[in-house]
Amino acid sequence: MDASIEQLEEGTELLLDFDKISQVAARCPGILPVAVQNADSMEVILVAYANRQALEHSRQTRTATFWSTSRNKLWIKGAESGNTYDLIEIRVNCEQNSLLYLVRPRDGGICHTSNVGGHARDCYYRRLDLDSGQLENLDP
């Protein structure tokens, strides 16, 4: 049974998608993973994907842009949620097979999730309890 969006985004049960990378590779060839980090706090905000089009759009507009692997189209971060990221810097890893975007959130919001009444400070707002295997929300 597939998990609901609410179960995935707000739940305490660990429901990791170990098939995501193989599914992405089959549906969306020509992409790289992109780690996104807040340029001010250095917190990791999210991991996304970029193809050549998304990278070029990011460079030209100075707005973090990705390739949506679920919708298979260009994803200008914040176009729908309002949580836009100004692109400060792009870094390339040693093997040139992943990117790091250093960004500055434009309007304060970061994650599209409601996270119990307000936007999360980043997409990594839950911690896995090593003993119980349950998720704990870090944002009050």
Protein backbone atom coordinates (compact mmCIF):
# COMPACT_ATOMS: atom_id res chain seq x y z
CA MET A 1 0.00 0.00 0.00
CA ASP A 2 1.35 3.42 -0.94
CA ALA A 3 1.76 5.98 1.81
CA SER A 4 -0.32 9.16 1.70
CA ILE A 5 1.36 12.55 1.39
CA GLU A 6 0.33 13.29 4.99
CA GLN A 7 1.92 10.04 6.22
CA LEU A 8 5.14 10.85 4.37
CA GLU A 9 5.39 14.51 5.34
CA GLU A 10 3.94 14.56 8.85
CA GLY A 11 4.00 10.97 10.07
CA THR A 12 6.24 9.30 12.60
CA GLU A 13 6.61 6.01 10.70
CA LEU A 14 9.77 5.55 8.62
CA LEU A 15 8.68 5.03 4.98
CA LEU A 16 11.90 5.47 3.00
CA ASP A 17 11.68 5.18 -0.79
CA PHE A 18 14.64 2.98 -1.67
CA ASP A 19 13.44 2.73 -5.28
CA LYS A 20 13.53 6.50 -5.95
CA ILE A 21 16.94 6.65 -7.65
CA SER A 22 16.29 3.74 -10.01
CA GLN A 23 12.87 5.19 -10.91
CA VAL A 24 14.37 8.64 -11.52
CA ALA A 25 17.12 7.21 -13.71
CA ALA A 26 14.56 5.38 -15.85
CA ARG A 27 12.16 8.35 -16.19
CA CYS A 28 14.54 11.28 -16.30
CA PRO A 29 17.85 10.55 -18.02
CA GLY A 30 20.51 13.24 -18.00
CA ILE A 31 20.10 14.56 -14.46
CA LEU A 32 22.40 15.12 -11.49
CA PRO A 33 21.62 15.26 -7.78
CA VAL A 34 21.76 18.74 -6.27
CA ALA A 35 22.30 19.30 -2.56
CA VAL A 36 20.79 22.62 -1.52
CA GLN A 37 22.28 24.45 1.43
CA ASN A 38 21.33 27.71 3.14
CA ALA A 39 24.24 30.10 2.43
CA ASP A 40 23.76 31.86 5.78
CA SER A 41 23.07 29.06 8.27
CA MET A 42 24.78 26.28 6.24
CA GLU A 43 21.84 23.97 7.02
CA VAL A 44 21.07 21.41 4.33
CA ILE A 45 17.63 22.34 2.99
CA LEU A 46 16.93 19.58 0.49
CA VAL A 47 18.27 17.30 -2.22
CA ALA A 48 16.85 17.72 -5.70
CA TYR A 49 17.88 17.05 -9.31
CA ALA A 50 18.99 19.21 -12.22
CA ASN A 51 19.40 18.62 -15.91
CA ARG A 52 21.14 20.99 -18.33
CA GLN A 53 17.99 23.09 -18.74
CA ALA A 54 17.53 23.53 -14.98
CA LEU A 55 21.20 24.37 -14.46
CA GLU A 56 21.15 26.95 -17.24
CA HIS A 57 17.92 28.50 -15.94
CA SER A 58 19.46 28.71 -12.45
CA ARG A 59 22.55 30.42 -13.81
CA GLN A 60 20.62 32.90 -15.94
CA THR A 61 17.94 33.86 -13.39
CA ARG A 62 19.98 33.41 -10.19
CA THR A 63 16.97 31.50 -8.81
CA ALA A 64 17.35 27.86 -7.72
CA THR A 65 15.74 25.77 -10.45
CA PHE A 66 15.55 21.99 -10.66
CA TRP A 67 14.13 19.18 -12.74
CA SER A 68 11.02 17.75 -11.08
CA THR A 69 11.39 13.98 -11.25
CA SER A 70 7.78 13.40 -10.22
CA ARG A 71 6.29 15.77 -12.82
CA ASN A 72 9.10 15.38 -15.38
CA LYS A 73 9.34 19.13 -16.01
CA LEU A 74 11.31 22.22 -15.02
CA TRP A 75 10.72 23.14 -11.36
CA ILE A 76 11.38 26.75 -10.46
CA LYS A 77 11.58 26.47 -6.68
CA GLY A 78 8.89 28.62 -5.12
CA ALA A 79 6.81 29.19 -8.24
CA GLU A 80 3.86 27.45 -6.53
CA SER A 81 4.71 27.53 -2.81
CA GLY A 82 6.23 31.02 -2.71
CA ASN A 83 9.36 29.60 -1.08
CA THR A 84 11.84 30.91 -3.65
CA TYR A 85 15.62 30.57 -3.23
CA ASP A 86 18.05 33.19 -4.53
CA LEU A 87 21.05 31.35 -5.95
CA ILE A 88 24.28 32.60 -4.37
CA GLU A 89 26.78 30.03 -5.64
CA ILE A 90 27.01 26.70 -7.47
CA ARG A 91 29.68 24.17 -6.55
CA VAL A 92 30.65 21.01 -8.44
CA ASN A 93 31.93 17.84 -6.76
CA CYS A 94 35.27 16.20 -7.60
CA GLU A 95 33.79 13.63 -10.03
CA GLN A 96 31.50 16.24 -11.63
CA ASN A 97 28.42 14.09 -11.00
CA SER A 98 26.61 16.22 -8.41
CA LEU A 99 26.09 19.88 -7.58
CA LEU A 100 25.75 21.99 -4.46
CA TYR A 101 23.57 25.09 -4.64
CA LEU A 102 24.20 27.65 -1.92
CA VAL A 103 20.97 29.62 -1.65
CA ARG A 104 19.27 32.32 0.35
CA PRO A 105 15.55 31.81 0.96
CA ARG A 106 13.81 34.92 -0.40
CA ASP A 107 10.60 35.04 1.66
CA GLY A 108 11.48 33.12 4.79
CA GLY A 109 9.73 29.86 3.90
CA ILE A 110 11.83 26.89 2.93
CA CYS A 111 9.84 23.66 2.75
CA HIS A 112 6.42 23.30 1.13
CA THR A 113 5.18 21.20 4.04
CA SER A 114 2.86 22.76 6.58
CA ASN A 115 4.75 20.97 9.37
CA VAL A 116 2.10 21.41 12.04
CA GLY A 117 0.93 24.92 11.26
CA GLY A 118 4.00 26.64 9.82
CA HIS A 119 6.67 26.09 7.23
CA ALA A 120 9.61 23.95 8.24
CA ARG A 121 13.03 25.61 8.51
CA ASP A 122 14.39 22.99 6.09
CA CYS A 123 13.21 19.72 4.52
CA TYR A 124 15.11 17.71 7.15
CA TYR A 125 12.74 18.53 10.00
CA ARG A 126 12.48 15.02 11.50
CA ARG A 127 15.05 12.89 13.29
CA LEU A 128 15.08 9.08 13.24
CA ASP A 129 15.12 7.69 16.75
CA LEU A 130 17.89 5.08 16.62
CA ASP A 131 16.23 2.89 19.24
CA SER A 132 12.55 2.95 18.28
CA GLY A 133 12.92 3.55 14.54
CA GLN A 134 10.22 6.27 14.76
CA LEU A 135 10.49 9.80 13.43
CA GLU A 136 10.56 12.76 15.78
CA ASN A 137 9.60 16.25 14.60
CA LEU A 138 12.38 18.76 15.37
CA ASP A 139 10.33 21.87 14.65
CA PRO A 140 7.95 22.73 17.51
